Amino acid sequence: MPELILILLRSIAAFLLLFLMARMMGKKQISQLTFFDYCVGITIGSIAATMSVDQNVKALNGLMSLFVWGLFPILLLYRNEIQCIL
């Protein structure tokens, strides 16, 4: 497959997963972000960019790492909310 088409497909996949994760994490203003949320956002963006253009990284590995980095903050958020209720 030509390199440009591969980059296009990988970028689209990364964008769609990032869009889905952003919706699941909820909207926050920059002033409302914790340091942890800020670091997670930068890391997720870096993983998506690397996955899009670095062909040494397998697409499935990149998608899995995006999924994990998106899932853990969501799980921690729900864990904290449950602890606040108890």
PDB file of N, CA and C in Angstrom:
ATOM      1  N   MET A   1       0.856  -1.172   0.000  1.00  0.00           N
ATOM      2  CA  MET A   1       0.000   0.000   0.000  1.00  0.00           C
ATOM      3  C   MET A   1       0.902   1.235   0.000  1.00  0.00           C
ATOM      4  N   PRO A   2       0.580   2.208  -0.829  1.00  0.00           N
ATOM      5  CA  PRO A   2       1.406   3.426  -0.863  1.00  0.00           C
ATOM      6  C   PRO A   2       1.459   4.101   0.516  1.00  0.00           C
ATOM      7  N   GLU A   3       2.598   4.701   0.792  1.00  0.00           N
ATOM      8  CA  GLU A   3       2.849   5.288   2.105  1.00  0.00           C
ATOM      9  C   GLU A   3       1.829   6.367   2.473  1.00  0.00           C
ATOM     10  N   LEU A   4       1.468   7.231   1.532  1.00  0.00           N
ATOM     11  CA  LEU A   4       0.532   8.317   1.841  1.00  0.00           C
ATOM     12  C   LEU A   4      -0.853   7.797   2.192  1.00  0.00           C
ATOM     13  N   ILE A   5      -1.297   6.760   1.509  1.00  0.00           N
ATOM     14  CA  ILE A   5      -2.615   6.183   1.813  1.00  0.00           C
ATOM     15  C   ILE A   5      -2.593   5.529   3.189  1.00  0.00           C
ATOM     16  N   LEU A   6      -1.497   4.858   3.518  1.00  0.00           N
ATOM     17  CA  LEU A   6      -1.367   4.233   4.831  1.00  0.00           C
ATOM     18  C   LEU A   6      -1.391   5.285   5.935  1.00  0.00           C
ATOM     19  N   ILE A   7      -0.680   6.378   5.741  1.00  0.00           N
ATOM     20  CA  ILE A   7      -0.693   7.462   6.733  1.00  0.00           C
ATOM     21  C   ILE A   7      -2.091   8.056   6.854  1.00  0.00           C
ATOM     22  N   LEU A   8      -2.782   8.211   5.740  1.00  0.00           N
ATOM     23  CA  LEU A   8      -4.145   8.745   5.758  1.00  0.00           C
ATOM     24  C   LEU A   8      -5.066   7.838   6.564  1.00  0.00           C
ATOM     25  N   LEU A   9      -5.024   6.549   6.308  1.00  0.00           N
ATOM     26  CA  LEU A   9      -5.891   5.610   7.015  1.00  0.00           C
ATOM     27  C   LEU A   9      -5.563   5.554   8.510  1.00  0.00           C
ATOM     28  N   ARG A  10      -4.286   5.545   8.834  1.00  0.00           N
ATOM     29  CA  ARG A  10      -3.897   5.512  10.246  1.00  0.00           C
ATOM     30  C   ARG A  10      -4.294   6.801  10.954  1.00  0.00           C
ATOM     31  N   SER A  11      -4.172   7.924  10.271  1.00  0.00           N
ATOM     32  CA  SER A  11      -4.560   9.209  10.869  1.00  0.00           C
ATOM     33  C   SER A  11      -6.059   9.274  11.108  1.00  0.00           C
ATOM     34  N   ILE A  12      -6.832   8.777  10.164  1.00  0.00           N
ATOM     35  CA  ILE A  12      -8.291   8.759  10.325  1.00  0.00           C
ATOM     36  C   ILE A  12      -8.674   7.875  11.505  1.00  0.00           C
ATOM     37  N   ALA A  13      -8.055   6.702  11.620  1.00  0.00           N
ATOM     38  CA  ALA A  13      -8.349   5.807  12.738  1.00  0.00           C
ATOM     39  C   ALA A  13      -7.981   6.463  14.066  1.00  0.00           C
ATOM     40  N   ALA A  14      -6.829   7.114  14.132  1.00  0.00           N
ATOM     41  CA  ALA A  14      -6.410   7.787  15.360  1.00  0.00           C
ATOM     42  C   ALA A  14      -7.359   8.929  15.700  1.00  0.00           C
ATOM     43  N   PHE A  15      -7.766   9.693  14.699  1.00  0.00           N
ATOM     44  CA  PHE A  15      -8.685  10.810  14.932  1.00  0.00           C
ATOM     45  C   PHE A  15     -10.025  10.320  15.474  1.00  0.00           C
ATOM     46  N   LEU A  16     -10.556   9.275  14.874  1.00  0.00           N
ATOM     47  CA  LEU A  16     -11.856   8.767  15.319  1.00  0.00           C
ATOM     48  C   LEU A  16     -11.782   8.237  16.750  1.00  0.00           C
ATOM     49  N   LEU A  17     -10.704   7.542  17.072  1.00  0.00           N
ATOM     50  CA  LEU A  17     -10.562   7.048  18.440  1.00  0.00           C
ATOM     51  C   LEU A  17     -10.374   8.202  19.416  1.00  0.00           C
ATOM     52  N   LEU A  18      -9.607   9.208  19.044  1.00  0.00           N
ATOM     53  CA  LEU A  18      -9.435  10.383  19.907  1.00  0.00           C
ATOM     54  C   LEU A  18     -10.755  11.115  20.117  1.00  0.00           C
ATOM     55  N   PHE A  19     -11.546  11.216  19.065  1.00  0.00           N
ATOM     56  CA  PHE A  19     -12.852  11.870  19.159  1.00  0.00           C
ATOM     57  C   PHE A  19     -13.756  11.114  20.128  1.00  0.00           C
ATOM     58  N   LEU A  20     -13.780   9.793  20.001  1.00  0.00           N
ATOM     59  CA  LEU A  20     -14.594   8.972  20.880  1.00  0.00           C
ATOM     60  C   LEU A  20     -14.140   9.100  22.333  1.00  0.00           C
ATOM     61  N   MET A  21     -12.835   9.056  22.553  1.00  0.00           N
ATOM     62  CA  MET A  21     -12.309   9.163  23.913  1.00  0.00           C
ATOM     63  C   MET A  21     -12.594  10.539  24.510  1.00  0.00           C
ATOM     64  N   ALA A  22     -12.498  11.575  23.710  1.00  0.00           N
ATOM     65  CA  ALA A  22     -12.776  12.923  24.215  1.00  0.00           C
ATOM     66  C   ALA A  22     -14.238  13.043  24.639  1.00  0.00           C
ATOM     67  N   ARG A  23     -15.120  12.430  23.896  1.00  0.00           N
ATOM     68  CA  ARG A  23     -16.536  12.445  24.269  1.00  0.00           C
ATOM     69  C   ARG A  23     -16.777  11.681  25.562  1.00  0.00           C
ATOM     70  N   MET A  24     -16.093  10.552  25.717  1.00  0.00           N
ATOM     71  CA  MET A  24     -16.273   9.741  26.922  1.00  0.00           C
ATOM     72  C   MET A  24     -15.697  10.428  28.153  1.00  0.00           C
ATOM     73  N   MET A  25     -14.594  11.164  27.993  1.00  0.00           N
ATOM     74  CA  MET A  25     -13.960  11.830  29.122  1.00  0.00           C
ATOM     75  C   MET A  25     -14.705  13.091  29.532  1.00  0.00           C
ATOM     76  N   GLY A  26     -15.512  13.628  28.669  1.00  0.00           N
ATOM     77  CA  GLY A  26     -16.269  14.822  28.992  1.00  0.00           C
ATOM     78  C   GLY A  26     -15.520  16.084  28.628  1.00  0.00           C
ATOM     79  N   LYS A  27     -16.277  17.155  28.507  1.00  0.00           N
ATOM     80  CA  LYS A  27     -15.694  18.440  28.134  1.00  0.00           C
ATOM     81  C   LYS A  27     -15.249  19.181  29.390  1.00  0.00           C
ATOM     82  N   LYS A  28     -14.058  19.730  29.336  1.00  0.00           N
ATOM     83  CA  LYS A  28     -13.535  20.538  30.432  1.00  0.00           C
ATOM     84  C   LYS A  28     -12.815  21.740  29.844  1.00  0.00           C
ATOM     85  N   GLN A  29     -12.899  22.833  30.540  1.00  0.00           N
ATOM     86  CA  GLN A  29     -12.120  23.999  30.171  1.00  0.00           C
ATOM     87  C   GLN A  29     -10.680  23.769  30.614  1.00  0.00           C
ATOM     88  N   ILE A  30      -9.757  24.452  29.980  1.00  0.00           N
ATOM     89  CA  ILE A  30      -8.343  24.305  30.343  1.00  0.00           C
ATOM     90  C   ILE A  30      -8.137  24.610  31.827  1.00  0.00           C
ATOM     91  N   SER A  31      -8.843  25.591  32.351  1.00  0.00           N
ATOM     92  CA  SER A  31      -8.662  25.958  33.755  1.00  0.00           C
ATOM     93  C   SER A  31      -9.192  24.884  34.698  1.00  0.00           C
ATOM     94  N   GLN A  32     -10.041  23.987  34.218  1.00  0.00           N
ATOM     95  CA  GLN A  32     -10.601  22.926  35.051  1.00  0.00           C
ATOM     96  C   GLN A  32      -9.774  21.644  35.016  1.00  0.00           C
ATOM     97  N   LEU A  33      -8.791  21.575  34.131  1.00  0.00           N
ATOM     98  CA  LEU A  33      -7.984  20.367  34.021  1.00  0.00           C
ATOM     99  C   LEU A  33      -7.051  20.225  35.215  1.00  0.00           C
ATOM    100  N   THR A  34      -6.953  19.009  35.698  1.00  0.00           N
ATOM    101  CA  THR A  34      -5.937  18.730  36.701  1.00  0.00           C
ATOM    102  C   THR A  34      -4.617  18.497  35.963  1.00  0.00           C
ATOM    103  N   PHE A  35      -3.542  18.467  36.723  1.00  0.00           N
ATOM    104  CA  PHE A  35      -2.248  18.193  36.104  1.00  0.00           C
ATOM    105  C   PHE A  35      -2.253  16.813  35.461  1.00  0.00           C
ATOM    106  N   PHE A  36      -2.895  15.856  36.108  1.00  0.00           N
ATOM    107  CA  PHE A  36      -3.004  14.500  35.568  1.00  0.00           C
ATOM    108  C   PHE A  36      -3.741  14.503  34.227  1.00  0.00           C
ATOM    109  N   ASP A  37      -4.881  15.188  34.154  1.00  0.00           N
ATOM    110  CA  ASP A  37      -5.650  15.260  32.902  1.00  0.00           C
ATOM    111  C   ASP A  37      -4.825  15.915  31.796  1.00  0.00           C
ATOM    112  N   TYR A  38      -4.081  16.937  32.150  1.00  0.00           N
ATOM    113  CA  TYR A  38      -3.232  17.634  31.185  1.00  0.00           C
ATOM    114  C   TYR A  38      -2.163  16.695  30.629  1.00  0.00           C
ATOM    115  N   CYS A  39      -1.501  15.962  31.521  1.00  0.00           N
ATOM    116  CA  CYS A  39      -0.459  15.016  31.089  1.00  0.00           C
ATOM    117  C   CYS A  39      -1.046  13.897  30.245  1.00  0.00           C
ATOM    118  N   VAL A  40      -2.197  13.398  30.623  1.00  0.00           N
ATOM    119  CA  VAL A  40      -2.854  12.345  29.845  1.00  0.00           C
ATOM    120  C   VAL A  40      -3.197  12.859  28.449  1.00  0.00           C
ATOM    121  N   GLY A  41      -3.691  14.074  28.357  1.00  0.00           N
ATOM    122  CA  GLY A  41      -4.026  14.654  27.051  1.00  0.00           C
ATOM    123  C   GLY A  41      -2.815  14.789  26.149  1.00  0.00           C
ATOM    124  N   ILE A  42      -1.723  15.247  26.710  1.00  0.00           N
ATOM    125  CA  ILE A  42      -0.495  15.375  25.923  1.00  0.00           C
ATOM    126  C   ILE A  42      -0.001  14.001  25.476  1.00  0.00           C
ATOM    127  N   THR A  43      -0.054  13.030  26.373  1.00  0.00           N
ATOM    128  CA  THR A  43       0.406  11.681  26.041  1.00  0.00           C
ATOM    129  C   THR A  43      -0.454  11.053  24.949  1.00  0.00           C
ATOM    130  N   ILE A  44      -1.758  11.199  25.053  1.00  0.00           N
ATOM    131  CA  ILE A  44      -2.657  10.642  24.044  1.00  0.00           C
ATOM    132  C   ILE A  44      -2.401  11.294  22.687  1.00  0.00           C
ATOM    133  N   GLY A  45      -2.212  12.599  22.683  1.00  0.00           N
ATOM    134  CA  GLY A  45      -1.909  13.292  21.425  1.00  0.00           C
ATOM    135  C   GLY A  45      -0.597  12.835  20.817  1.00  0.00           C
ATOM    136  N   SER A  46       0.393  12.618  21.665  1.00  0.00           N
ATOM    137  CA  SER A  46       1.690  12.152  21.191  1.00  0.00           C
ATOM    138  C   SER A  46       1.599  10.741  20.620  1.00  0.00           C
ATOM    139  N   ILE A  47       0.850   9.875  21.283  1.00  0.00           N
ATOM    140  CA  ILE A  47       0.669   8.508  20.776  1.00  0.00           C
ATOM    141  C   ILE A  47      -0.036   8.534  19.430  1.00  0.00           C
ATOM    142  N   ALA A  48      -1.072   9.355  19.314  1.00  0.00           N
ATOM    143  CA  ALA A  48      -1.823   9.434  18.051  1.00  0.00           C
ATOM    144  C   ALA A  48      -0.940   9.959  16.922  1.00  0.00           C
ATOM    145  N   ALA A  49      -0.124  10.968  17.214  1.00  0.00           N
ATOM    146  CA  ALA A  49       0.755  11.515  16.179  1.00  0.00           C
ATOM    147  C   ALA A  49       1.799  10.500  15.755  1.00  0.00           C
ATOM    148  N   THR A  50       2.381   9.804  16.728  1.00  0.00           N
ATOM    149  CA  THR A  50       3.385   8.790  16.402  1.00  0.00           C
ATOM    150  C   THR A  50       2.760   7.664  15.596  1.00  0.00           C
ATOM    151  N   MET A  51       1.580   7.237  15.995  1.00  0.00           N
ATOM    152  CA  MET A  51       0.905   6.159  15.286  1.00  0.00           C
ATOM    153  C   MET A  51       0.574   6.563  13.849  1.00  0.00           C
ATOM    154  N   SER A  52       0.268   7.822  13.650  1.00  0.00           N
ATOM    155  CA  SER A  52      -0.126   8.284  12.321  1.00  0.00           C
ATOM    156  C   SER A  52       1.021   8.283  11.326  1.00  0.00           C
ATOM    157  N   VAL A  53       2.200   8.691  11.761  1.00  0.00           N
ATOM    158  CA  VAL A  53       3.278   8.898  10.800  1.00  0.00           C
ATOM    159  C   VAL A  53       4.433   7.907  10.903  1.00  0.00           C
ATOM    160  N   ASP A  54       4.590   7.226  12.020  1.00  0.00           N
ATOM    161  CA  ASP A  54       5.695   6.283  12.173  1.00  0.00           C
ATOM    162  C   ASP A  54       5.248   4.897  11.740  1.00  0.00           C
ATOM    163  N   GLN A  55       5.741   4.463  10.598  1.00  0.00           N
ATOM    164  CA  GLN A  55       5.306   3.174  10.072  1.00  0.00           C
ATOM    165  C   GLN A  55       5.987   2.005  10.755  1.00  0.00           C
ATOM    166  N   ASN A  56       6.945   2.266  11.633  1.00  0.00           N
ATOM    167  CA  ASN A  56       7.546   1.199  12.428  1.00  0.00           C
ATOM    168  C   ASN A  56       6.624   0.759  13.556  1.00  0.00           C
ATOM    169  N   VAL A  57       5.654   1.604  13.887  1.00  0.00           N
ATOM    170  CA  VAL A  57       4.671   1.269  14.914  1.00  0.00           C
ATOM    171  C   VAL A  57       3.481   0.610  14.223  1.00  0.00           C
ATOM    172  N   LYS A  58       3.148  -0.592  14.657  1.00  0.00           N
ATOM    173  CA  LYS A  58       2.001  -1.287  14.077  1.00  0.00           C
ATOM    174  C   LYS A  58       0.726  -0.547  14.452  1.00  0.00           C
ATOM    175  N   ALA A  59      -0.197  -0.445  13.502  1.00  0.00           N
ATOM    176  CA  ALA A  59      -1.441   0.300  13.723  1.00  0.00           C
ATOM    177  C   ALA A  59      -2.223  -0.271  14.902  1.00  0.00           C
ATOM    178  N   LEU A  60      -2.298  -1.570  15.000  1.00  0.00           N
ATOM    179  CA  LEU A  60      -3.043  -2.195  16.097  1.00  0.00           C
ATOM    180  C   LEU A  60      -2.401  -1.883  17.447  1.00  0.00           C
ATOM    181  N   ASN A  61      -1.086  -1.866  17.505  1.00  0.00           N
ATOM    182  CA  ASN A  61      -0.401  -1.500  18.751  1.00  0.00           C
ATOM    183  C   ASN A  61      -0.699  -0.054  19.139  1.00  0.00           C
ATOM    184  N   GLY A  62      -0.701   0.838  18.145  1.00  0.00           N
ATOM    185  CA  GLY A  62      -1.012   2.236  18.426  1.00  0.00           C
ATOM    186  C   GLY A  62      -2.444   2.416  18.905  1.00  0.00           C
ATOM    187  N   LEU A  63      -3.384   1.729  18.256  1.00  0.00           N
ATOM    188  CA  LEU A  63      -4.782   1.824  18.676  1.00  0.00           C
ATOM    189  C   LEU A  63      -4.978   1.251  20.076  1.00  0.00           C
ATOM    190  N   MET A  64      -4.293   0.168  20.378  1.00  0.00           N
ATOM    191  CA  MET A  64      -4.400  -0.423  21.716  1.00  0.00           C
ATOM    192  C   MET A  64      -3.849   0.528  22.775  1.00  0.00           C
ATOM    193  N   SER A  65      -2.721   1.169  22.485  1.00  0.00           N
ATOM    194  CA  SER A  65      -2.167   2.101  23.477  1.00  0.00           C
ATOM    195  C   SER A  65      -3.078   3.310  23.654  1.00  0.00           C
ATOM    196  N   LEU A  66      -3.695   3.797  22.580  1.00  0.00           N
ATOM    197  CA  LEU A  66      -4.657   4.890  22.706  1.00  0.00           C
ATOM    198  C   LEU A  66      -5.855   4.464  23.548  1.00  0.00           C
ATOM    199  N   PHE A  67      -6.318   3.245  23.316  1.00  0.00           N
ATOM    200  CA  PHE A  67      -7.456   2.731  24.074  1.00  0.00           C
ATOM    201  C   PHE A  67      -7.122   2.649  25.562  1.00  0.00           C
ATOM    202  N   VAL A  68      -5.943   2.131  25.890  1.00  0.00           N
ATOM    203  CA  VAL A  68      -5.539   1.995  27.289  1.00  0.00           C
ATOM    204  C   VAL A  68      -5.389   3.365  27.939  1.00  0.00           C
ATOM    205  N   TRP A  69      -4.713   4.296  27.254  1.00  0.00           N
ATOM    206  CA  TRP A  69      -4.518   5.634  27.811  1.00  0.00           C
ATOM    207  C   TRP A  69      -5.823   6.418  27.904  1.00  0.00           C
ATOM    208  N   GLY A  70      -6.807   6.049  27.117  1.00  0.00           N
ATOM    209  CA  GLY A  70      -8.116   6.679  27.237  1.00  0.00           C
ATOM    210  C   GLY A  70      -8.989   6.024  28.291  1.00  0.00           C
ATOM    211  N   LEU A  71      -8.845   4.716  28.447  1.00  0.00           N
ATOM    212  CA  LEU A  71      -9.687   3.972  29.382  1.00  0.00           C
ATOM    213  C   LEU A  71      -9.287   4.208  30.841  1.00  0.00           C
ATOM    214  N   PHE A  72      -8.005   4.226  31.137  1.00  0.00           N
ATOM    215  CA  PHE A  72      -7.569   4.360  32.521  1.00  0.00           C
ATOM    216  C   PHE A  72      -8.035   5.659  33.183  1.00  0.00           C
ATOM    217  N   PRO A  73      -7.904   6.807  32.545  1.00  0.00           N
ATOM    218  CA  PRO A  73      -8.421   8.033  33.203  1.00  0.00           C
ATOM    219  C   PRO A  73      -9.932   7.977  33.436  1.00  0.00           C
ATOM    220  N   ILE A  74     -10.664   7.336  32.534  1.00  0.00           N
ATOM    221  CA  ILE A  74     -12.112   7.212  32.708  1.00  0.00           C
ATOM    222  C   ILE A  74     -12.413   6.322  33.905  1.00  0.00           C
ATOM    223  N   LEU A  75     -11.699   5.198  34.010  1.00  0.00           N
ATOM    224  CA  LEU A  75     -11.900   4.299  35.150  1.00  0.00           C
ATOM    225  C   LEU A  75     -11.529   4.980  36.461  1.00  0.00           C
ATOM    226  N   LEU A  76     -10.442   5.747  36.465  1.00  0.00           N
ATOM    227  CA  LEU A  76     -10.057   6.464  37.677  1.00  0.00           C
ATOM    228  C   LEU A  76     -11.093   7.519  38.058  1.00  0.00           C
ATOM    229  N   LEU A  77     -11.678   8.166  37.082  1.00  0.00           N
ATOM    230  CA  LEU A  77     -12.712   9.164  37.354  1.00  0.00           C
ATOM    231  C   LEU A  77     -13.916   8.523  38.027  1.00  0.00           C
ATOM    232  N   TYR A  78     -14.382   7.395  37.480  1.00  0.00           N
ATOM    233  CA  TYR A  78     -15.536   6.712  38.064  1.00  0.00           C
ATOM    234  C   TYR A  78     -15.214   6.149  39.446  1.00  0.00           C
ATOM    235  N   ARG A  79     -13.985   5.672  39.632  1.00  0.00           N
ATOM    236  CA  ARG A  79     -13.565   5.183  40.939  1.00  0.00           C
ATOM    237  C   ARG A  79     -13.618   6.300  41.973  1.00  0.00           C
ATOM    238  N   ASN A  80     -13.139   7.477  41.596  1.00  0.00           N
ATOM    239  CA  ASN A  80     -13.156   8.631  42.510  1.00  0.00           C
ATOM    240  C   ASN A  80     -14.580   9.064  42.816  1.00  0.00           C
ATOM    241  N   GLU A  81     -15.449   9.017  41.812  1.00  0.00           N
ATOM    242  CA  GLU A  81     -16.842   9.405  42.044  1.00  0.00           C
ATOM    243  C   GLU A  81     -17.533   8.429  42.985  1.00  0.00           C
ATOM    244  N   ILE A  82     -17.245   7.149  42.852  1.00  0.00           N
ATOM    245  CA  ILE A  82     -17.845   6.151  43.737  1.00  0.00           C
ATOM    246  C   ILE A  82     -17.346   6.336  45.164  1.00  0.00           C
ATOM    247  N   GLN A  83     -16.054   6.638  45.322  1.00  0.00           N
ATOM    248  CA  GLN A  83     -15.507   6.856  46.662  1.00  0.00           C
ATOM    249  C   GLN A  83     -16.113   8.088  47.314  1.00  0.00           C
ATOM    250  N   CYS A  84     -16.408   9.115  46.516  1.00  0.00           N
ATOM    251  CA  CYS A  84     -17.029  10.321  47.074  1.00  0.00           C
ATOM    252  C   CYS A  84     -18.426  10.040  47.577  1.00  0.00           C
ATOM    253  N   ILE A  85     -19.129   9.131  46.915  1.00  0.00           N
ATOM    254  CA  ILE A  85     -20.490   8.788  47.325  1.00  0.00           C
ATOM    255  C   ILE A  85     -20.473   7.993  48.628  1.00  0.00           C
ATOM    256  N   LEU A  86     -19.489   7.103  48.733  1.00  0.00           N
ATOM    257  CA  LEU A  86     -19.402   6.265  49.941  1.00  0.00           C
ATOM    258  C   LEU A  86     -18.836   7.084  51.064  1.00  0.00           C
TER     259      LEU A  86
END
